[in-house]
């Protein structure tokens, strides 16, 4: 339960740090990714359970303080009904000391506290200020916060030099040298620690020995390779530092419970698949495979009879932990970088993250190969290509070489022109409809004003659709309202009459037709034919 005594702290720069927000929480579990703009100071005044910050496991018993760096993944699980903690968001102030402090802060996760009276005093003062009408309370809280955090950092800086950084350096070394023999002494040397002390502190934080961690890391990589490729067990074992494939198989069976070949066959036949987005879900449904767990919301209105819900907007890590899938499939971000969230997902089960830049056919065939349905995918693609060719001729008979434009509205009050990805790949690539001038230059979508729409994108036909619909009735109203506003605009009315533009409504069913997957594209073929053959296209 979240206690409603939060406040925004005005941002003052008369110190090393600038406060953002502070809240007190009482809840049993949560999973989230820290903001990329703020650090977080978690103060546990009374707690029992555990917390995972960027893959590092910490046990909670009574009082603890953690600094959560920018963008870190966090999973918290508390036991009992009397645990509570404070979450304080802050950033380093713009000063000549900023880079130095930033490095110091990233070096600390759990802070050792010699004198809890300092922390207790700070929390008491904050609680007092929360209830007061003092107009200077923000500045006073900021001063207390500066004093407390700097004191804690100084104490920790003298006591230790970021042991977590040293340990994490050895994990990076493991990942970079998986194909080589790695000894405990070698890892301890990388950490700059005595081998015995290194083993003790590693096991305390990661709850397993360095050698066990290395074995699990190799097995995890092996599972990824076996699922995604047709490599032999011998080749995979050799590439992961095992010179004997039979020894590797025994290790694999010890950790996983079954031999490598049995594991792969089980995944392909009956593996519990978790889908992290609608794109993956649509591909699986086209292959007649319902995901074991998935994101479920009304933005992508499909019937899922037995699928467990991972969340409505984003997959919640605590639910993924609970359902324990055999395989997780998602799609990467446009930026391409692996996120902290994705790295935490990999700790739960083998994870396949589809490359954002790949087209939908590549995604579809890769998923089919992973779940052992290559032949079904080939048959489906033959069916789709044949269907697209037939509909292409029918639609061409209706509109000839007329240019077709795709315009989308979002709940952000903006208007977008779609390029040759998303539903553009069906219209322009599969149905060979004529592309308006300027659309070829759009990789995915482009935000436009009404002036730009009227001046730069001449088309005989305009299809209106949704942009990032969140599945709510409010989004239905918001998007339809924007379309109505455009169609009633005098300049639009004059322009559309002069150019004899025909308009079509693809707003219904939200993103059922626009999720860039095999199922959506197949449905879209039928929908486009229906739109162009319909006699009345009046949207008002």
Protein backbone atom coordinates (compact mmCIF):
# COMPACT_ATOMS: atom_id res chain seq x y z
CA UNK A 1 0.00 0.00 0.00
CA UNK A 2 1.29 3.46 -0.84
CA UNK A 3 0.87 6.01 1.94
CA UNK A 4 -0.46 9.26 0.51
CA UNK A 5 1.96 11.67 2.17
CA UNK A 6 4.19 12.40 -0.80
CA UNK A 7 5.29 15.79 -1.98
CA UNK A 8 7.35 17.33 -4.76
CA UNK A 9 10.44 19.03 -3.40
CA UNK A 10 11.30 22.23 -5.24
CA UNK A 11 14.66 21.88 -6.91
CA UNK A 12 17.33 23.89 -5.17
CA UNK A 13 20.91 24.05 -6.37
CA UNK A 14 22.61 25.33 -3.21
CA UNK A 15 24.31 22.00 -2.58
CA UNK A 16 25.61 18.85 -4.19
CA UNK A 17 22.18 17.25 -4.76
CA UNK A 18 18.78 18.32 -6.05
CA UNK A 19 15.71 16.58 -4.65
CA UNK A 20 12.81 15.38 -6.76
CA UNK A 21 10.11 13.52 -4.79
CA UNK A 22 9.79 11.55 -1.58
CA UNK A 23 7.20 8.91 -0.77
CA UNK A 24 6.58 6.45 2.00
CA UNK A 25 5.48 2.95 0.93
CA UNK A 26 3.97 -0.06 2.63
CA UNK A 27 3.65 -2.90 0.12
CA UNK A 28 4.77 -6.48 -0.16
CA UNK A 29 6.33 -6.54 -3.62
CA UNK A 30 7.02 -4.43 -6.68
CA UNK A 31 9.18 -4.50 -9.80
CA UNK A 32 10.18 -1.43 -11.76
CA UNK A 33 12.91 0.34 -13.68
CA UNK A 34 14.41 3.43 -12.07
CA UNK A 35 14.02 6.73 -13.94
CA UNK A 36 16.86 7.66 -16.29
CA UNK A 37 16.76 11.19 -14.82
CA UNK A 38 17.04 10.52 -11.09
CA UNK A 39 18.89 8.44 -8.55
CA UNK A 40 16.77 6.88 -5.83
CA UNK A 41 17.61 6.59 -2.15
CA UNK A 42 15.64 3.73 -0.56
CA UNK A 43 15.48 3.96 3.23
CA UNK A 44 14.11 0.84 4.94
CA UNK A 45 13.29 1.75 8.53
CA UNK A 46 11.77 -1.66 9.17
CA UNK A 47 11.85 -4.48 6.63
CA UNK A 48 12.19 -8.21 6.17
CA UNK A 49 12.59 -9.87 2.76
CA UNK A 50 14.91 -9.19 -0.17
CA UNK A 51 15.65 -6.70 -2.92
CA UNK A 52 17.35 -7.23 -6.29
CA UNK A 53 19.06 -4.19 -7.87
CA UNK A 54 20.61 -4.78 -11.30
CA UNK A 55 20.83 -8.56 -10.75
CA UNK A 56 22.46 -8.25 -7.31
CA UNK A 57 20.50 -9.87 -4.47
CA UNK A 58 20.37 -8.24 -1.02
CA UNK A 59 18.67 -9.69 2.05
CA UNK A 60 16.57 -7.28 4.12
CA UNK A 61 16.48 -7.50 7.90
CA UNK A 62 15.33 -4.40 9.79
CA UNK A 63 17.17 -1.22 8.65
CA UNK A 64 18.88 -0.75 5.27
CA UNK A 65 19.73 2.04 2.84
CA UNK A 66 20.32 1.64 -0.91
CA UNK A 67 21.21 4.03 -3.72
CA UNK A 68 19.54 2.94 -6.97
CA UNK A 69 21.44 4.32 -10.01
CA UNK A 70 19.82 5.80 -13.12
CA UNK A 71 17.84 3.26 -15.18
CA UNK A 72 18.49 0.31 -12.84
CA UNK A 73 16.07 -2.61 -12.61
CA UNK A 74 14.60 -3.22 -9.14
CA UNK A 75 12.62 -6.15 -7.72
CA UNK A 76 11.48 -5.85 -4.11
CA UNK A 77 9.78 -8.52 -2.01
CA UNK A 78 8.87 -7.84 1.63
CA UNK A 79 7.46 -10.21 4.22
CA UNK A 80 4.99 -9.35 6.96
CA UNK A 81 2.59 -6.46 7.31
CA UNK A 82 4.74 -4.02 9.27
CA UNK A 83 7.50 -3.33 6.71
CA UNK A 84 7.79 0.18 5.30
CA UNK A 85 10.33 2.28 3.46
CA UNK A 86 10.96 5.71 1.92
CA UNK A 87 11.79 6.29 -1.74
CA UNK A 88 13.63 9.59 -2.29
CA UNK A 89 14.31 10.67 -5.87
CA UNK A 90 17.26 13.00 -6.40
CA UNK A 91 19.87 14.07 -8.93
CA UNK A 92 23.37 15.51 -8.67
CA UNK A 93 23.41 19.29 -8.90
CA UNK A 94 24.94 21.12 -11.84
CA UNK A 95 28.31 22.01 -10.39
CA UNK A 96 32.00 21.49 -10.93
CA UNK A 97 31.74 18.50 -8.61
CA UNK A 98 28.97 16.77 -10.61
CA UNK A 99 31.09 14.30 -12.56
CA UNK A 100 33.02 13.32 -9.44
CA UNK A 101 29.85 12.79 -7.43
CA UNK A 102 28.20 10.90 -10.27
CA UNK A 103 31.05 8.40 -10.29
CA UNK A 104 30.96 8.07 -6.51
CA UNK A 105 27.20 7.50 -6.45
CA UNK A 106 27.36 4.83 -9.14
CA UNK A 107 29.94 3.07 -6.99
CA UNK A 108 27.53 2.62 -4.10
CA UNK A 109 24.43 0.48 -3.88
CA UNK A 110 23.99 -0.63 -0.27
CA UNK A 111 25.24 1.92 2.23
CA UNK A 112 26.69 0.92 5.56
CA UNK A 113 25.27 3.10 8.34
CA UNK A 114 27.29 3.60 11.52
CA UNK A 115 24.83 5.93 13.17
CA UNK A 116 21.14 5.37 12.41
CA UNK A 117 20.25 8.39 14.55
CA UNK A 118 21.24 10.60 11.58
CA UNK A 119 18.81 8.77 9.30
CA UNK A 120 16.08 8.63 11.93
CA UNK A 121 16.38 12.36 12.52
CA UNK A 122 16.10 13.07 8.78
CA UNK A 123 12.98 10.91 8.40
CA UNK A 124 11.35 12.52 11.45
CA UNK A 125 12.05 16.01 10.11
CA UNK A 126 10.64 15.11 6.70
CA UNK A 127 7.46 13.71 8.27
CA UNK A 128 7.17 16.94 10.25
CA UNK A 129 7.62 19.12 7.17
CA UNK A 130 5.10 17.08 5.22
CA UNK A 131 2.39 18.17 7.61
CA UNK A 132 3.50 21.78 8.00
CA UNK A 133 2.60 24.92 6.08
CA UNK A 134 6.12 26.30 6.36
CA UNK A 135 6.94 27.97 3.04
CA UNK A 136 10.63 27.25 3.63
CA UNK A 137 10.09 23.54 4.24
CA UNK A 138 11.48 22.47 0.87
CA UNK A 139 14.75 24.26 1.41
CA UNK A 140 15.04 22.95 4.96
CA UNK A 141 14.43 19.36 3.83
CA UNK A 142 17.02 19.84 1.13
CA UNK A 143 19.61 20.94 3.70
CA UNK A 144 18.88 17.93 5.95
CA UNK A 145 19.11 15.62 2.94
CA UNK A 146 22.48 17.08 1.88
CA UNK A 147 23.91 16.61 5.36
CA UNK A 148 22.65 13.05 5.74
CA UNK A 149 23.67 11.73 2.32
CA UNK A 150 27.12 13.34 2.31
CA UNK A 151 27.76 11.95 5.81
CA UNK A 152 26.72 8.46 4.68
CA UNK A 153 28.80 8.62 1.52
CA UNK A 154 31.88 9.77 3.44
CA UNK A 155 31.47 6.92 5.93
CA UNK A 156 31.15 4.36 3.15
CA UNK A 157 33.98 5.84 1.10
CA UNK A 158 36.35 5.38 4.02
CA UNK A 159 35.08 1.90 4.83
CA UNK A 160 35.19 0.37 1.34
CA UNK A 161 35.79 1.25 -2.30
CA UNK A 162 32.66 -0.02 -3.97
CA UNK A 163 32.95 -3.78 -3.58
CA UNK A 164 30.03 -4.21 -5.94
CA UNK A 165 31.94 -2.58 -8.78
CA UNK A 166 34.82 -5.00 -8.24
CA UNK A 167 32.49 -7.99 -8.24
CA UNK A 168 30.53 -6.81 -11.26
CA UNK A 169 33.84 -6.41 -13.12
CA UNK A 170 34.41 -10.14 -12.66
CA UNK A 171 30.95 -10.93 -14.05
CA UNK A 172 31.73 -8.84 -17.13
CA UNK A 173 35.00 -10.76 -17.40
CA UNK A 174 33.10 -14.07 -17.25
CA UNK A 175 30.76 -12.96 -20.05
CA UNK A 176 33.65 -11.84 -22.24
CA UNK A 177 35.70 -15.01 -21.75
CA UNK A 178 33.09 -17.77 -21.68
CA UNK A 179 35.02 -19.85 -24.24
CA UNK A 180 38.17 -19.89 -22.08
CA UNK A 181 39.03 -21.77 -18.89
CA UNK A 182 38.41 -19.42 -15.94
CA UNK A 183 39.64 -20.07 -12.39
CA UNK A 184 38.64 -18.54 -9.08
CA UNK A 185 42.15 -17.08 -8.67
CA UNK A 186 41.85 -15.43 -12.08
CA UNK A 187 38.52 -13.82 -11.14
CA UNK A 188 39.88 -12.67 -7.78
CA UNK A 189 42.80 -11.03 -9.59
CA UNK A 190 40.36 -9.18 -11.87
CA UNK A 191 38.52 -7.95 -8.76
CA UNK A 192 41.78 -7.06 -7.06
CA UNK A 193 40.88 -9.12 -3.99
CA UNK A 194 42.26 -12.03 -2.03
CA UNK A 195 40.77 -15.28 -3.53
CA UNK A 196 39.22 -16.46 -0.24
CA UNK A 197 37.78 -13.04 0.56
CA UNK A 198 36.54 -12.70 -3.04
CA UNK A 199 34.68 -16.03 -2.80
CA UNK A 200 33.10 -15.11 0.55
CA UNK A 201 31.91 -11.67 -0.50
CA UNK A 202 30.72 -12.94 -3.91
CA UNK A 203 28.62 -15.66 -2.27
CA UNK A 204 27.24 -13.21 0.29
CA UNK A 205 25.92 -10.89 -2.42
CA UNK A 206 25.04 -13.30 -5.25
CA UNK A 207 23.98 -16.23 -3.04
CA UNK A 208 26.27 -18.65 -4.93
CA UNK A 209 29.97 -19.21 -5.46
CA UNK A 210 31.80 -17.59 -8.42
CA UNK A 211 32.25 -21.03 -10.01
CA UNK A 212 28.53 -21.84 -9.68
CA UNK A 213 27.65 -18.44 -11.14
CA UNK A 214 29.99 -19.07 -14.09
CA UNK A 215 28.42 -22.50 -14.69
CA UNK A 216 24.89 -21.04 -14.66
CA UNK A 217 26.00 -18.24 -16.97
CA UNK A 218 27.38 -20.76 -19.46
CA UNK A 219 24.25 -22.91 -19.23
CA UNK A 220 22.09 -19.81 -19.82
CA UNK A 221 24.07 -18.96 -22.96
CA UNK A 222 23.88 -22.58 -24.07
CA UNK A 223 20.07 -22.58 -23.77
CA UNK A 224 19.86 -19.41 -25.85
CA UNK A 225 22.04 -20.94 -28.56
CA UNK A 226 20.27 -24.29 -28.61
CA UNK A 227 16.86 -22.66 -28.92
CA UNK A 228 17.86 -20.19 -31.64
CA UNK A 229 20.27 -22.18 -33.79
CA UNK A 230 20.84 -25.65 -35.21
CA UNK A 231 24.35 -25.86 -33.79
CA UNK A 232 25.49 -29.22 -32.48
CA UNK A 233 25.81 -29.78 -28.74
CA UNK A 234 29.52 -30.35 -29.28
CA UNK A 235 29.98 -27.00 -31.03
CA UNK A 236 28.06 -25.10 -28.34
CA UNK A 237 29.93 -26.85 -25.52
CA UNK A 238 33.30 -26.06 -27.11
CA UNK A 239 32.38 -22.39 -27.63
CA UNK A 240 31.48 -22.08 -23.95
CA UNK A 241 34.75 -23.36 -22.60
CA UNK A 242 33.93 -27.09 -22.32
CA UNK A 243 36.36 -29.39 -24.09
CA UNK A 244 34.22 -32.47 -23.47
CA UNK A 245 30.62 -32.41 -24.76
CA UNK A 246 29.64 -35.27 -22.44
CA UNK A 247 30.90 -33.36 -19.41
CA UNK A 248 28.89 -30.35 -20.61
CA UNK A 249 25.77 -32.52 -21.00
CA UNK A 250 26.17 -33.83 -17.44
CA UNK A 251 26.58 -30.26 -16.13
CA UNK A 252 23.53 -29.15 -18.12
CA UNK A 253 21.42 -31.98 -16.71
CA UNK A 254 22.58 -31.21 -13.17
CA UNK A 255 21.52 -27.57 -13.46
CA UNK A 256 18.39 -27.90 -15.65
CA UNK A 257 17.21 -31.40 -14.74
CA UNK A 258 17.17 -32.87 -18.26
CA UNK A 259 19.70 -33.49 -21.03
CA UNK A 260 20.24 -30.70 -23.64
CA UNK A 261 18.41 -32.50 -26.49
CA UNK A 262 15.41 -33.28 -24.28
CA UNK A 263 15.32 -29.66 -23.11
CA UNK A 264 15.26 -28.27 -26.68
CA UNK A 265 12.60 -30.72 -27.85
CA UNK A 266 10.43 -29.91 -24.83
CA UNK A 267 10.65 -26.17 -25.55
CA UNK A 268 9.63 -26.72 -29.18
CA UNK A 269 6.77 -29.13 -28.36
CA UNK A 270 5.25 -27.81 -25.16
CA UNK A 271 7.33 -24.94 -23.83
CA UNK A 272 5.58 -22.26 -21.80
CA UNK A 273 6.09 -19.17 -23.98
CA UNK A 274 5.83 -15.63 -22.60
CA UNK A 275 5.15 -12.82 -25.07
CA UNK A 276 6.36 -9.36 -24.07
CA UNK A 277 4.33 -7.44 -26.67
CA UNK A 278 1.46 -7.68 -29.14
CA UNK A 279 3.82 -8.11 -32.08
CA UNK A 280 5.01 -11.46 -30.74
CA UNK A 281 1.50 -12.52 -29.69
CA UNK A 282 0.15 -11.91 -33.20
CA UNK A 283 2.90 -13.98 -34.78
CA UNK A 284 2.27 -16.85 -32.36
CA UNK A 285 -1.48 -16.78 -33.04
CA UNK A 286 -0.83 -16.93 -36.79
CA UNK A 287 1.11 -20.12 -36.03
CA UNK A 288 -1.89 -21.42 -34.02
CA UNK A 289 0.06 -21.12 -30.76
CA UNK A 290 -1.45 -19.27 -27.82
CA UNK A 291 1.20 -17.79 -25.50
CA UNK A 292 1.35 -19.15 -21.98
CA UNK A 293 1.67 -15.58 -20.66
CA UNK A 294 1.49 -12.20 -22.39
CA UNK A 295 0.67 -8.51 -22.24
CA UNK A 296 -3.12 -8.37 -22.46
CA UNK A 297 -5.14 -5.21 -23.10
CA UNK A 298 -7.85 -3.87 -25.35
CA UNK A 299 -5.41 -2.08 -27.66
CA UNK A 300 -4.90 -5.46 -29.38
CA UNK A 301 -8.37 -7.06 -29.06
CA UNK A 302 -7.74 -10.75 -29.65
CA UNK A 303 -9.28 -13.71 -27.88
CA UNK A 304 -6.85 -15.46 -25.52
CA UNK A 305 -8.55 -18.31 -23.69
CA UNK A 306 -5.77 -19.61 -21.48
CA UNK A 307 -3.06 -16.93 -21.49
CA UNK A 308 -1.83 -15.59 -18.14
CA UNK A 309 -1.62 -11.82 -17.92
CA UNK A 310 1.82 -10.21 -17.50
CA UNK A 311 0.46 -6.68 -17.36
CA UNK A 312 -1.59 -4.24 -19.38
CA UNK A 313 0.99 -1.76 -20.63
CA UNK A 314 4.38 -3.28 -19.89
CA UNK A 315 5.38 -6.76 -18.73
CA UNK A 316 5.73 -6.76 -14.95
CA UNK A 317 8.84 -8.59 -13.80
CA UNK A 318 7.23 -9.89 -10.63
CA UNK A 319 4.54 -11.60 -12.73
CA UNK A 320 7.20 -13.09 -15.00
CA UNK A 321 8.94 -14.44 -11.92
CA UNK A 322 5.68 -15.91 -10.70
CA UNK A 323 4.65 -17.68 -13.95
CA UNK A 324 8.18 -19.05 -14.59
CA UNK A 325 7.97 -19.44 -18.41
CA UNK A 326 10.34 -21.72 -20.31
CA UNK A 327 11.01 -19.09 -22.97
CA UNK A 328 10.46 -15.32 -23.23
CA UNK A 329 10.10 -13.58 -26.59
CA UNK A 330 10.02 -9.83 -27.10
CA UNK A 331 11.09 -7.15 -29.53
CA UNK A 332 13.94 -4.71 -28.96
CA UNK A 333 13.70 -0.94 -28.89
CA UNK A 334 14.27 1.29 -31.91
CA UNK A 335 17.49 2.56 -30.31
CA UNK A 336 18.91 -0.97 -30.29
CA UNK A 337 20.71 -0.85 -26.92
CA UNK A 338 20.01 -3.65 -24.43
CA UNK A 339 18.11 -2.19 -21.48
CA UNK A 340 18.50 -3.00 -17.80
CA UNK A 341 14.97 -4.42 -17.93
CA UNK A 342 15.92 -6.87 -20.70
CA UNK A 343 18.96 -8.02 -18.74
CA UNK A 344 16.78 -8.71 -15.72
CA UNK A 345 14.36 -10.67 -17.91
CA UNK A 346 17.25 -12.90 -19.00
CA UNK A 347 17.67 -13.98 -15.37
CA UNK A 348 14.17 -15.50 -15.38
CA UNK A 349 14.25 -17.66 -18.52
CA UNK A 350 15.97 -17.85 -21.93
CA UNK A 351 14.99 -14.65 -23.72
CA UNK A 352 14.74 -13.95 -27.43
CA UNK A 353 14.69 -10.24 -28.24
CA UNK A 354 13.78 -9.67 -31.89
CA UNK A 355 15.75 -6.99 -33.70
CA UNK A 356 13.58 -3.90 -34.15
CA UNK A 357 15.09 -3.19 -37.59
CA UNK A 358 14.10 -6.61 -39.00
CA UNK A 359 10.90 -6.78 -41.05
CA UNK A 360 7.83 -8.70 -39.94
CA UNK A 361 8.56 -11.70 -42.17
CA UNK A 362 11.96 -12.14 -40.52
CA UNK A 363 10.35 -11.88 -37.08
CA UNK A 364 7.67 -14.41 -38.05
CA UNK A 365 10.06 -16.98 -39.47
CA UNK A 366 12.47 -16.62 -36.56
CA UNK A 367 9.70 -17.27 -34.03
CA UNK A 368 8.51 -20.24 -36.08
CA UNK A 369 12.01 -21.71 -36.10
CA UNK A 370 12.36 -21.24 -32.34
CA UNK A 371 9.12 -23.11 -31.56
CA UNK A 372 9.66 -25.77 -34.22
CA UNK A 373 6.98 -24.62 -36.68
CA UNK A 374 9.07 -23.80 -39.75
CA UNK A 375 6.85 -25.83 -42.08
CA UNK A 376 3.68 -24.20 -40.74
CA UNK A 377 5.29 -20.79 -41.27
CA UNK A 378 6.24 -21.64 -44.86
CA UNK A 379 2.69 -22.76 -45.63
CA UNK A 380 1.26 -19.65 -44.00
CA UNK A 381 3.55 -17.37 -46.02
CA UNK A 382 2.55 -19.12 -49.28
CA UNK A 383 -1.11 -18.59 -48.36
CA UNK A 384 -0.50 -14.92 -47.50
CA UNK A 385 1.45 -14.13 -50.68
CA UNK A 386 -1.21 -15.80 -52.83
CA UNK A 387 -3.97 -13.91 -51.04
CA UNK A 388 -2.14 -10.56 -51.36
CA UNK A 389 -1.64 -11.12 -55.09
CA UNK A 390 -5.34 -11.82 -55.66
CA UNK A 391 -6.50 -8.84 -53.60
CA UNK A 392 -3.92 -6.64 -55.32
CA UNK A 393 -5.65 -7.13 -58.65
CA UNK A 394 -9.12 -6.51 -57.18
CA UNK A 395 -8.06 -3.30 -55.45
CA UNK A 396 -6.14 -2.08 -58.49
CA UNK A 397 -9.34 -2.59 -60.45
CA UNK A 398 -11.06 -0.19 -58.07
CA UNK A 399 -8.46 2.60 -57.68
CA UNK A 400 -5.88 2.01 -60.43
CA UNK A 401 -2.68 4.00 -59.83
CA UNK A 402 -4.24 6.44 -57.35
CA UNK A 403 -1.94 7.36 -54.48
CA UNK A 404 -2.89 6.17 -50.99
CA UNK A 405 -1.77 7.96 -47.81
CA UNK A 406 -1.91 6.65 -44.22
CA UNK A 407 -2.59 9.26 -41.53
CA UNK A 408 -2.74 8.43 -37.82
CA UNK A 409 -3.93 10.25 -34.70
CA UNK A 410 -2.66 9.66 -31.16
CA UNK A 411 -3.89 10.60 -27.71
CA UNK A 412 -1.04 13.12 -27.60
CA UNK A 413 -3.09 15.44 -29.88
CA UNK A 414 -0.61 14.95 -32.71
CA UNK A 415 -1.07 13.75 -36.28
CA UNK A 416 1.32 11.39 -38.06
CA UNK A 417 2.00 10.17 -41.59
CA UNK A 418 3.03 6.51 -41.80
CA UNK A 419 5.84 5.34 -44.06
CA UNK A 420 6.51 1.93 -45.54
CA UNK A 421 6.69 0.07 -42.23
CA UNK A 422 3.77 -0.87 -40.00
CA UNK A 423 0.59 -1.04 -42.11
CA UNK A 424 2.51 0.72 -44.87
CA UNK A 425 4.33 -2.54 -45.57
CA UNK A 426 0.99 -4.17 -46.45
CA UNK A 427 -0.37 -1.31 -48.54
CA UNK A 428 2.79 -0.34 -50.40
CA UNK A 429 4.87 -3.54 -50.47
CA UNK A 430 2.31 -6.36 -50.51
CA UNK A 431 -0.61 -4.70 -52.33
CA UNK A 432 1.64 -2.47 -54.49
CA UNK A 433 -0.51 0.62 -53.94
CA UNK A 434 0.96 3.86 -55.24
CA UNK A 435 3.07 5.78 -52.71
CA UNK A 436 2.53 9.55 -52.32
CA UNK A 437 5.49 11.84 -52.75
CA UNK A 438 7.45 12.20 -49.50
CA UNK A 439 6.32 8.92 -47.95
CA UNK A 440 9.39 7.08 -49.28
CA UNK A 441 11.51 9.29 -47.05
CA UNK A 442 9.67 8.22 -43.87
CA UNK A 443 11.26 5.20 -42.19
CA UNK A 444 8.37 4.50 -39.84
CA UNK A 445 6.21 7.56 -39.07
CA UNK A 446 6.51 11.32 -39.08
CA UNK A 447 4.64 13.89 -37.02
CA UNK A 448 2.97 16.49 -39.25
CA UNK A 449 0.84 19.59 -38.96
CA UNK A 450 -2.32 20.15 -40.96
CA UNK A 451 -0.40 22.64 -43.15
CA UNK A 452 2.21 19.99 -43.93
CA UNK A 453 -0.47 17.39 -44.61
CA UNK A 454 -2.22 19.66 -47.12
CA UNK A 455 0.93 20.98 -48.81
CA UNK A 456 3.37 18.07 -49.02
CA UNK A 457 1.44 14.79 -49.19
CA UNK A 458 -0.84 14.73 -52.21
CA UNK A 459 -2.98 11.63 -52.34
CA UNK A 460 -6.22 10.46 -53.93
CA UNK A 461 -7.11 8.30 -50.94
CA UNK A 462 -6.37 8.79 -47.22
CA UNK A 463 -6.76 6.03 -44.65
CA UNK A 464 -7.12 7.29 -41.06
CA UNK A 465 -5.86 5.03 -38.28
CA UNK A 466 -4.60 4.99 -34.66
CA UNK A 467 -1.21 5.95 -33.30
CA UNK A 468 -0.13 4.27 -30.04
CA UNK A 469 -3.65 3.61 -28.83
CA UNK A 470 -3.57 2.48 -25.18
CA UNK A 471 -6.75 0.41 -25.35
CA UNK A 472 -8.95 2.78 -23.34
CA UNK A 473 -12.34 4.26 -24.20
CA UNK A 474 -10.79 7.66 -23.55
CA UNK A 475 -8.28 7.02 -26.35
CA UNK A 476 -11.18 6.06 -28.67
CA UNK A 477 -12.86 9.37 -27.93
CA UNK A 478 -9.64 11.41 -28.10
CA UNK A 479 -8.57 10.02 -31.47
CA UNK A 480 -12.05 10.22 -33.00
CA UNK A 481 -12.35 13.80 -31.73
CA UNK A 482 -9.14 14.78 -33.56
CA UNK A 483 -10.37 13.18 -36.77
CA UNK A 484 -13.74 14.95 -36.50
CA UNK A 485 -11.97 18.24 -35.88
CA UNK A 486 -9.87 17.80 -39.03
CA UNK A 487 -12.79 16.78 -41.22
CA UNK A 488 -14.86 19.78 -40.10
CA UNK A 489 -12.05 22.24 -40.70
CA UNK A 490 -12.90 24.67 -43.52
CA UNK A 491 -9.43 24.43 -45.07
CA UNK A 492 -9.60 20.64 -45.08
CA UNK A 493 -13.09 20.65 -46.59
CA UNK A 494 -11.99 23.01 -49.38
CA UNK A 495 -8.78 21.04 -50.03
CA UNK A 496 -10.44 17.62 -50.08
CA UNK A 497 -13.14 18.82 -52.47
CA UNK A 498 -10.63 20.41 -54.85
CA UNK A 499 -8.44 17.29 -54.88
CA UNK A 500 -11.43 14.89 -54.80
CA UNK A 501 -9.89 12.99 -51.92
CA UNK A 502 -11.64 9.85 -50.70
CA UNK A 503 -11.25 9.03 -47.03
CA UNK A 504 -11.47 5.74 -45.11
CA UNK A 505 -11.81 4.89 -41.44
CA UNK A 506 -9.49 2.29 -39.91
CA UNK A 507 -9.99 3.46 -36.34
CA UNK A 508 -12.21 0.56 -35.32
CA UNK A 509 -10.62 -2.41 -33.56
CA UNK A 510 -7.80 -0.15 -32.38
CA UNK A 511 -4.46 -1.93 -33.18
CA UNK A 512 -5.86 -5.24 -34.36
CA UNK A 513 -4.78 -4.36 -37.92
CA UNK A 514 -1.69 -2.32 -37.08
CA UNK A 515 0.51 -4.38 -34.75
CA UNK A 516 3.10 -5.33 -37.40
CA UNK A 517 2.66 -9.08 -37.16
CA UNK A 518 1.46 -11.92 -39.39
CA UNK A 519 -2.01 -12.16 -37.89
CA UNK A 520 -2.63 -8.39 -38.11
CA UNK A 521 -1.43 -8.17 -41.71
CA UNK A 522 -3.64 -11.05 -42.79
CA UNK A 523 -6.68 -9.34 -41.24
CA UNK A 524 -5.62 -6.03 -42.77
CA UNK A 525 -5.72 -7.44 -46.30
CA UNK A 526 -9.42 -8.20 -45.84
CA UNK A 527 -10.07 -4.85 -44.20
CA UNK A 528 -8.40 -2.82 -46.97
CA UNK A 529 -10.38 -4.66 -49.64
CA UNK A 530 -13.57 -3.95 -47.70
CA UNK A 531 -12.71 -0.24 -47.40
CA UNK A 532 -12.07 0.23 -51.11
CA UNK A 533 -15.08 -1.79 -52.24
CA UNK A 534 -17.47 -0.08 -49.84
CA UNK A 535 -19.68 2.42 -51.64
CA UNK A 536 -20.08 4.92 -48.80
CA UNK A 537 -16.87 6.21 -47.19
CA UNK A 538 -18.33 9.20 -45.38
CA UNK A 539 -16.66 9.31 -41.94
CA UNK A 540 -18.78 12.00 -40.35
